[in-house]
Amino acid sequence: MLFWSIVPLEMVMSGTETPPVYEELDYDGVKVVVEKFSPTQCRIVRVISTEPNDYLRPDIQPGIMLTYRPSIV
């Protein structure tokens, strides 16, 4: 789609997008970065691990939706 205007794009698109909320958490022993959508839903964005096998696990691949339950430490 093309959008032609004399108004700068920053002014046209201002206020239409909210920045994502990222949080780092421990999921089944592996540190992951998630994007929070609601108090209970989040999506894995990044896996942070030094163990190569963690990147092959199908349950923690980026894009997987998780039910978020914060733990009180």
PDB file of N, CA and C in Angstrom:
ATOM      1  N   MET A   1       0.839  -1.164   0.000  1.00  0.00           N
ATOM      2  CA  MET A   1       0.000   0.000   0.000  1.00  0.00           C
ATOM      3  C   MET A   1       0.890   1.235   0.000  1.00  0.00           C
ATOM      4  N   LEU A   2       0.556   2.200  -0.797  1.00  0.00           N
ATOM      5  CA  LEU A   2       1.276   3.464  -0.850  1.00  0.00           C
ATOM      6  C   LEU A   2       0.425   4.549  -0.225  1.00  0.00           C
ATOM      7  N   PHE A   3       1.093   5.441   0.476  1.00  0.00           N
ATOM      8  CA  PHE A   3       0.409   6.553   1.100  1.00  0.00           C
ATOM      9  C   PHE A   3       1.156   7.828   0.734  1.00  0.00           C
ATOM     10  N   TRP A   4       0.540   8.664  -0.069  1.00  0.00           N
ATOM     11  CA  TRP A   4       1.172   9.906  -0.504  1.00  0.00           C
ATOM     12  C   TRP A   4       0.553  11.065   0.266  1.00  0.00           C
ATOM     13  N   SER A   5       1.421  11.870   0.890  1.00  0.00           N
ATOM     14  CA  SER A   5       0.940  13.020   1.640  1.00  0.00           C
ATOM     15  C   SER A   5       2.062  14.027   1.794  1.00  0.00           C
ATOM     16  N   ILE A   6       1.694  15.303   1.939  1.00  0.00           N
ATOM     17  CA  ILE A   6       2.712  16.326   2.205  1.00  0.00           C
ATOM     18  C   ILE A   6       3.012  16.410   3.695  1.00  0.00           C
ATOM     19  N   VAL A   7       2.175  15.774   4.496  1.00  0.00           N
ATOM     20  CA  VAL A   7       2.370  15.749   5.946  1.00  0.00           C
ATOM     21  C   VAL A   7       3.405  14.677   6.265  1.00  0.00           C
ATOM     22  N   PRO A   8       4.388  14.979   7.145  1.00  0.00           N
ATOM     23  CA  PRO A   8       5.380  13.966   7.496  1.00  0.00           C
ATOM     24  C   PRO A   8       4.734  12.711   8.104  1.00  0.00           C
ATOM     25  N   LEU A   9       5.317  11.572   7.792  1.00  0.00           N
ATOM     26  CA  LEU A   9       4.777  10.291   8.255  1.00  0.00           C
ATOM     27  C   LEU A   9       4.683  10.231   9.773  1.00  0.00           C
ATOM     28  N   GLU A  10       5.634  10.843  10.484  1.00  0.00           N
ATOM     29  CA  GLU A  10       5.614  10.826  11.948  1.00  0.00           C
ATOM     30  C   GLU A  10       4.347  11.490  12.495  1.00  0.00           C
ATOM     31  N   MET A  11       3.908  12.552  11.827  1.00  0.00           N
ATOM     32  CA  MET A  11       2.699  13.239  12.277  1.00  0.00           C
ATOM     33  C   MET A  11       1.445  12.431  11.940  1.00  0.00           C
ATOM     34  N   VAL A  12       1.452  11.779  10.799  1.00  0.00           N
ATOM     35  CA  VAL A  12       0.290  10.992  10.389  1.00  0.00           C
ATOM     36  C   VAL A  12       0.115   9.786  11.301  1.00  0.00           C
ATOM     37  N   MET A  13       1.209   9.131  11.635  1.00  0.00           N
ATOM     38  CA  MET A  13       1.141   7.887  12.397  1.00  0.00           C
ATOM     39  C   MET A  13       1.274   8.081  13.906  1.00  0.00           C
ATOM     40  N   SER A  14       1.396   9.301  14.387  1.00  0.00           N
ATOM     41  CA  SER A  14       1.585   9.520  15.819  1.00  0.00           C
ATOM     42  C   SER A  14       0.358   9.065  16.605  1.00  0.00           C
ATOM     43  N   GLY A  15       0.614   8.380  17.686  1.00  0.00           N
ATOM     44  CA  GLY A  15      -0.458   7.920  18.552  1.00  0.00           C
ATOM     45  C   GLY A  15      -1.134   6.641  18.125  1.00  0.00           C
ATOM     46  N   THR A  16      -0.704   6.030  17.043  1.00  0.00           N
ATOM     47  CA  THR A  16      -1.365   4.814  16.575  1.00  0.00           C
ATOM     48  C   THR A  16      -0.730   3.553  17.115  1.00  0.00           C
ATOM     49  N   GLU A  17       0.464   3.652  17.633  1.00  0.00           N
ATOM     50  CA  GLU A  17       1.156   2.454  18.078  1.00  0.00           C
ATOM     51  C   GLU A  17       1.654   2.621  19.508  1.00  0.00           C
ATOM     52  N   THR A  18       1.380   1.628  20.328  1.00  0.00           N
ATOM     53  CA  THR A  18       1.914   1.639  21.687  1.00  0.00           C
ATOM     54  C   THR A  18       3.148   0.751  21.707  1.00  0.00           C
ATOM     55  N   PRO A  19       4.174   1.158  22.436  1.00  0.00           N
ATOM     56  CA  PRO A  19       5.395   0.346  22.467  1.00  0.00           C
ATOM     57  C   PRO A  19       5.146  -0.985  23.183  1.00  0.00           C
ATOM     58  N   PRO A  20       5.766  -2.052  22.719  1.00  0.00           N
ATOM     59  CA  PRO A  20       5.583  -3.350  23.379  1.00  0.00           C
ATOM     60  C   PRO A  20       6.233  -3.367  24.761  1.00  0.00           C
ATOM     61  N   VAL A  21       5.676  -4.182  25.640  1.00  0.00           N
ATOM     62  CA  VAL A  21       6.210  -4.342  26.987  1.00  0.00           C
ATOM     63  C   VAL A  21       6.940  -5.677  27.036  1.00  0.00           C
ATOM     64  N   TYR A  22       8.251  -5.614  27.233  1.00  0.00           N
ATOM     65  CA  TYR A  22       9.064  -6.823  27.299  1.00  0.00           C
ATOM     66  C   TYR A  22       9.445  -7.121  28.741  1.00  0.00           C
ATOM     67  N   GLU A  23       9.548  -8.412  29.041  1.00  0.00           N
ATOM     68  CA  GLU A  23       9.954  -8.834  30.376  1.00  0.00           C
ATOM     69  C   GLU A  23      10.821 -10.082  30.245  1.00  0.00           C
ATOM     70  N   GLU A  24      11.837 -10.147  31.064  1.00  0.00           N
ATOM     71  CA  GLU A  24      12.720 -11.310  31.077  1.00  0.00           C
ATOM     72  C   GLU A  24      12.273 -12.222  32.210  1.00  0.00           C
ATOM     73  N   LEU A  25      12.077 -13.495  31.889  1.00  0.00           N
ATOM     74  CA  LEU A  25      11.663 -14.435  32.928  1.00  0.00           C
ATOM     75  C   LEU A  25      12.297 -15.795  32.713  1.00  0.00           C
ATOM     76  N   ASP A  26      12.185 -16.614  33.735  1.00  0.00           N
ATOM     77  CA  ASP A  26      12.740 -17.962  33.709  1.00  0.00           C
ATOM     78  C   ASP A  26      11.605 -18.934  33.416  1.00  0.00           C
ATOM     79  N   TYR A  27      11.696 -19.639  32.292  1.00  0.00           N
ATOM     80  CA  TYR A  27      10.670 -20.596  31.903  1.00  0.00           C
ATOM     81  C   TYR A  27      11.297 -21.974  31.841  1.00  0.00           C
ATOM     82  N   ASP A  28      10.939 -22.827  32.760  1.00  0.00           N
ATOM     83  CA  ASP A  28      11.420 -24.210  32.809  1.00  0.00           C
ATOM     84  C   ASP A  28      12.949 -24.281  32.794  1.00  0.00           C
ATOM     85  N   GLY A  29      13.583 -23.375  33.557  1.00  0.00           N
ATOM     86  CA  GLY A  29      15.037 -23.389  33.677  1.00  0.00           C
ATOM     87  C   GLY A  29      15.788 -22.635  32.602  1.00  0.00           C
ATOM     88  N   VAL A  30      15.070 -22.012  31.663  1.00  0.00           N
ATOM     89  CA  VAL A  30      15.698 -21.278  30.564  1.00  0.00           C
ATOM     90  C   VAL A  30      15.220 -19.826  30.624  1.00  0.00           C
ATOM     91  N   LYS A  31      16.160 -18.890  30.504  1.00  0.00           N
ATOM     92  CA  LYS A  31      15.805 -17.477  30.517  1.00  0.00           C
ATOM     93  C   LYS A  31      15.294 -17.080  29.142  1.00  0.00           C
ATOM     94  N   VAL A  32      14.095 -16.464  29.123  1.00  0.00           N
ATOM     95  CA  VAL A  32      13.483 -16.015  27.882  1.00  0.00           C
ATOM     96  C   VAL A  32      13.003 -14.576  28.041  1.00  0.00           C
ATOM     97  N   VAL A  33      12.917 -13.869  26.921  1.00  0.00           N
ATOM     98  CA  VAL A  33      12.331 -12.536  26.886  1.00  0.00           C
ATOM     99  C   VAL A  33      10.953 -12.685  26.259  1.00  0.00           C
ATOM    100  N   VAL A  34       9.940 -12.146  26.934  1.00  0.00           N
ATOM    101  CA  VAL A  34       8.568 -12.264  26.454  1.00  0.00           C
ATOM    102  C   VAL A  34       7.969 -10.878  26.241  1.00  0.00           C
ATOM    103  N   GLU A  35       7.003 -10.817  25.342  1.00  0.00           N
ATOM    104  CA  GLU A  35       6.227  -9.600  25.116  1.00  0.00           C
ATOM    105  C   GLU A  35       4.870  -9.810  25.772  1.00  0.00           C
ATOM    106  N   LYS A  36       4.538  -8.949  26.721  1.00  0.00           N
ATOM    107  CA  LYS A  36       3.285  -9.090  27.449  1.00  0.00           C
ATOM    108  C   LYS A  36       2.145  -8.455  26.665  1.00  0.00           C
ATOM    109  N   PHE A  37       1.044  -9.199  26.523  1.00  0.00           N
ATOM    110  CA  PHE A  37      -0.146  -8.699  25.863  1.00  0.00           C
ATOM    111  C   PHE A  37      -1.234  -8.364  26.866  1.00  0.00           C
ATOM    112  N   SER A  38      -1.276  -9.108  27.953  1.00  0.00           N
ATOM    113  CA  SER A  38      -2.250  -8.890  29.017  1.00  0.00           C
ATOM    114  C   SER A  38      -1.614  -9.403  30.308  1.00  0.00           C
ATOM    115  N   PRO A  39      -2.291  -9.249  31.423  1.00  0.00           N
ATOM    116  CA  PRO A  39      -1.704  -9.768  32.668  1.00  0.00           C
ATOM    117  C   PRO A  39      -1.483 -11.283  32.667  1.00  0.00           C
ATOM    118  N   THR A  40      -2.143 -12.006  31.762  1.00  0.00           N
ATOM    119  CA  THR A  40      -1.995 -13.462  31.754  1.00  0.00           C
ATOM    120  C   THR A  40      -1.444 -14.038  30.454  1.00  0.00           C
ATOM    121  N   GLN A  41      -1.290 -13.242  29.409  1.00  0.00           N
ATOM    122  CA  GLN A  41      -0.823 -13.741  28.112  1.00  0.00           C
ATOM    123  C   GLN A  41       0.483 -13.058  27.714  1.00  0.00           C
ATOM    124  N   CYS A  42       1.417 -13.872  27.219  1.00  0.00           N
ATOM    125  CA  CYS A  42       2.665 -13.326  26.701  1.00  0.00           C
ATOM    126  C   CYS A  42       3.167 -14.218  25.573  1.00  0.00           C
ATOM    127  N   ARG A  43       4.073 -13.654  24.763  1.00  0.00           N
ATOM    128  CA  ARG A  43       4.638 -14.372  23.623  1.00  0.00           C
ATOM    129  C   ARG A  43       6.150 -14.346  23.748  1.00  0.00           C
ATOM    130  N   ILE A  44       6.789 -15.495  23.519  1.00  0.00           N
ATOM    131  CA  ILE A  44       8.246 -15.568  23.584  1.00  0.00           C
ATOM    132  C   ILE A  44       8.834 -14.805  22.406  1.00  0.00           C
ATOM    133  N   VAL A  45       9.759 -13.899  22.716  1.00  0.00           N
ATOM    134  CA  VAL A  45      10.416 -13.094  21.691  1.00  0.00           C
ATOM    135  C   VAL A  45      11.841 -13.568  21.484  1.00  0.00           C
ATOM    136  N   ARG A  46      12.498 -13.993  22.556  1.00  0.00           N
ATOM    137  CA  ARG A  46      13.921 -14.324  22.474  1.00  0.00           C
ATOM    138  C   ARG A  46      14.277 -15.346  23.543  1.00  0.00           C
ATOM    139  N   VAL A  47      15.170 -16.254  23.207  1.00  0.00           N
ATOM    140  CA  VAL A  47      15.710 -17.231  24.155  1.00  0.00           C
ATOM    141  C   VAL A  47      17.120 -16.781  24.510  1.00  0.00           C
ATOM    142  N   ILE A  48      17.417 -16.738  25.811  1.00  0.00           N
ATOM    143  CA  ILE A  48      18.747 -16.347  26.275  1.00  0.00           C
ATOM    144  C   ILE A  48      19.338 -17.552  27.004  1.00  0.00           C
ATOM    145  N   SER A  49      20.280 -18.228  26.359  1.00  0.00           N
ATOM    146  CA  SER A  49      20.865 -19.421  26.951  1.00  0.00           C
ATOM    147  C   SER A  49      22.233 -19.689  26.346  1.00  0.00           C
ATOM    148  N   THR A  50      23.092 -20.322  27.131  1.00  0.00           N
ATOM    149  CA  THR A  50      24.385 -20.754  26.613  1.00  0.00           C
ATOM    150  C   THR A  50      24.360 -22.230  26.227  1.00  0.00           C
ATOM    151  N   GLU A  51      23.235 -22.879  26.456  1.00  0.00           N
ATOM    152  CA  GLU A  51      23.066 -24.289  26.120  1.00  0.00           C
ATOM    153  C   GLU A  51      22.452 -24.407  24.721  1.00  0.00           C
ATOM    154  N   PRO A  52      23.177 -24.944  23.735  1.00  0.00           N
ATOM    155  CA  PRO A  52      22.646 -25.039  22.366  1.00  0.00           C
ATOM    156  C   PRO A  52      21.343 -25.826  22.254  1.00  0.00           C
ATOM    157  N   ASN A  53      21.154 -26.832  23.077  1.00  0.00           N
ATOM    158  CA  ASN A  53      19.930 -27.639  22.998  1.00  0.00           C
ATOM    159  C   ASN A  53      18.679 -26.850  23.388  1.00  0.00           C
ATOM    160  N   ASP A  54      18.834 -25.774  24.163  1.00  0.00           N
ATOM    161  CA  ASP A  54      17.674 -24.961  24.529  1.00  0.00           C
ATOM    162  C   ASP A  54      17.053 -24.300  23.309  1.00  0.00           C
ATOM    163  N   TYR A  55      17.852 -23.983  22.305  1.00  0.00           N
ATOM    164  CA  TYR A  55      17.333 -23.336  21.105  1.00  0.00           C
ATOM    165  C   TYR A  55      16.581 -24.315  20.201  1.00  0.00           C
ATOM    166  N   LEU A  56      16.712 -25.611  20.450  1.00  0.00           N
ATOM    167  CA  LEU A  56      16.016 -26.625  19.653  1.00  0.00           C
ATOM    168  C   LEU A  56      14.725 -27.102  20.304  1.00  0.00           C
ATOM    169  N   ARG A  57      14.458 -26.663  21.513  1.00  0.00           N
ATOM    170  CA  ARG A  57      13.248 -27.091  22.219  1.00  0.00           C
ATOM    171  C   ARG A  57      12.010 -26.462  21.582  1.00  0.00           C
ATOM    172  N   PRO A  58      11.047 -27.291  21.172  1.00  0.00           N
ATOM    173  CA  PRO A  58       9.861 -26.740  20.504  1.00  0.00           C
ATOM    174  C   PRO A  58       8.939 -25.949  21.438  1.00  0.00           C
ATOM    175  N   ASP A  59       9.030 -26.163  22.756  1.00  0.00           N
ATOM    176  CA  ASP A  59       8.136 -25.474  23.679  1.00  0.00           C
ATOM    177  C   ASP A  59       8.591 -24.060  24.035  1.00  0.00           C
ATOM    178  N   ILE A  60       9.812 -23.668  23.646  1.00  0.00           N
ATOM    179  CA  ILE A  60      10.274 -22.311  23.951  1.00  0.00           C
ATOM    180  C   ILE A  60      10.788 -21.592  22.709  1.00  0.00           C
ATOM    181  N   GLN A  61      10.229 -21.878  21.563  1.00  0.00           N
ATOM    182  CA  GLN A  61      10.616 -21.201  20.332  1.00  0.00           C
ATOM    183  C   GLN A  61       9.978 -19.807  20.286  1.00  0.00           C
ATOM    184  N   PRO A  62      10.662 -18.818  19.716  1.00  0.00           N
ATOM    185  CA  PRO A  62      10.054 -17.497  19.567  1.00  0.00           C
ATOM    186  C   PRO A  62       8.743 -17.568  18.793  1.00  0.00           C
ATOM    187  N   GLY A  63       7.761 -16.847  19.295  1.00  0.00           N
ATOM    188  CA  GLY A  63       6.435 -16.837  18.690  1.00  0.00           C
ATOM    189  C   GLY A  63       5.422 -17.667  19.456  1.00  0.00           C
ATOM    190  N   ILE A  64       5.893 -18.521  20.353  1.00  0.00           N
ATOM    191  CA  ILE A  64       4.985 -19.371  21.137  1.00  0.00           C
ATOM    192  C   ILE A  64       4.275 -18.515  22.189  1.00  0.00           C
ATOM    193  N   MET A  65       2.959 -18.665  22.291  1.00  0.00           N
ATOM    194  CA  MET A  65       2.181 -17.959  23.297  1.00  0.00           C
ATOM    195  C   MET A  65       2.188 -18.746  24.604  1.00  0.00           C
ATOM    196  N   LEU A  66       2.384 -18.035  25.702  1.00  0.00           N
ATOM    197  CA  LEU A  66       2.413 -18.659  27.028  1.00  0.00           C
ATOM    198  C   LEU A  66       1.360 -18.026  27.923  1.00  0.00           C
ATOM    199  N   THR A  67       0.890 -18.803  28.886  1.00  0.00           N
ATOM    200  CA  THR A  67       0.063 -18.254  29.937  1.00  0.00           C
ATOM    201  C   THR A  67       1.001 -17.736  31.014  1.00  0.00           C
ATOM    202  N   TYR A  68       0.891 -16.480  31.323  1.00  0.00           N
ATOM    203  CA  TYR A  68       1.819 -15.801  32.223  1.00  0.00           C
ATOM    204  C   TYR A  68       1.283 -15.854  33.644  1.00  0.00           C
ATOM    205  N   ARG A  69       2.082 -16.426  34.520  1.00  0.00           N
ATOM    206  CA  ARG A  69       1.740 -16.464  35.945  1.00  0.00           C
ATOM    207  C   ARG A  69       2.973 -15.980  36.724  1.00  0.00           C
ATOM    208  N   PRO A  70       3.011 -14.717  37.094  1.00  0.00           N
ATOM    209  CA  PRO A  70       4.175 -14.221  37.823  1.00  0.00           C
ATOM    210  C   PRO A  70       4.314 -14.911  39.164  1.00  0.00           C
ATOM    211  N   SER A  71       5.543 -15.220  39.536  1.00  0.00           N
ATOM    212  CA  SER A  71       5.796 -15.874  40.817  1.00  0.00           C
ATOM    213  C   SER A  71       6.328 -14.846  41.795  1.00  0.00           C
ATOM    214  N   ILE A  72       5.939 -14.980  43.023  1.00  0.00           N
ATOM    215  CA  ILE A  72       6.395 -14.077  44.078  1.00  0.00           C
ATOM    216  C   ILE A  72       7.600 -14.701  44.746  1.00  0.00           C
ATOM    217  N   VAL A  73       8.721 -13.989  44.708  1.00  0.00           N
ATOM    218  CA  VAL A  73       9.965 -14.519  45.273  1.00  0.00           C
ATOM    219  C   VAL A  73      10.196 -13.944  46.625  1.00  0.00           C
TER     220      VAL A  73
END
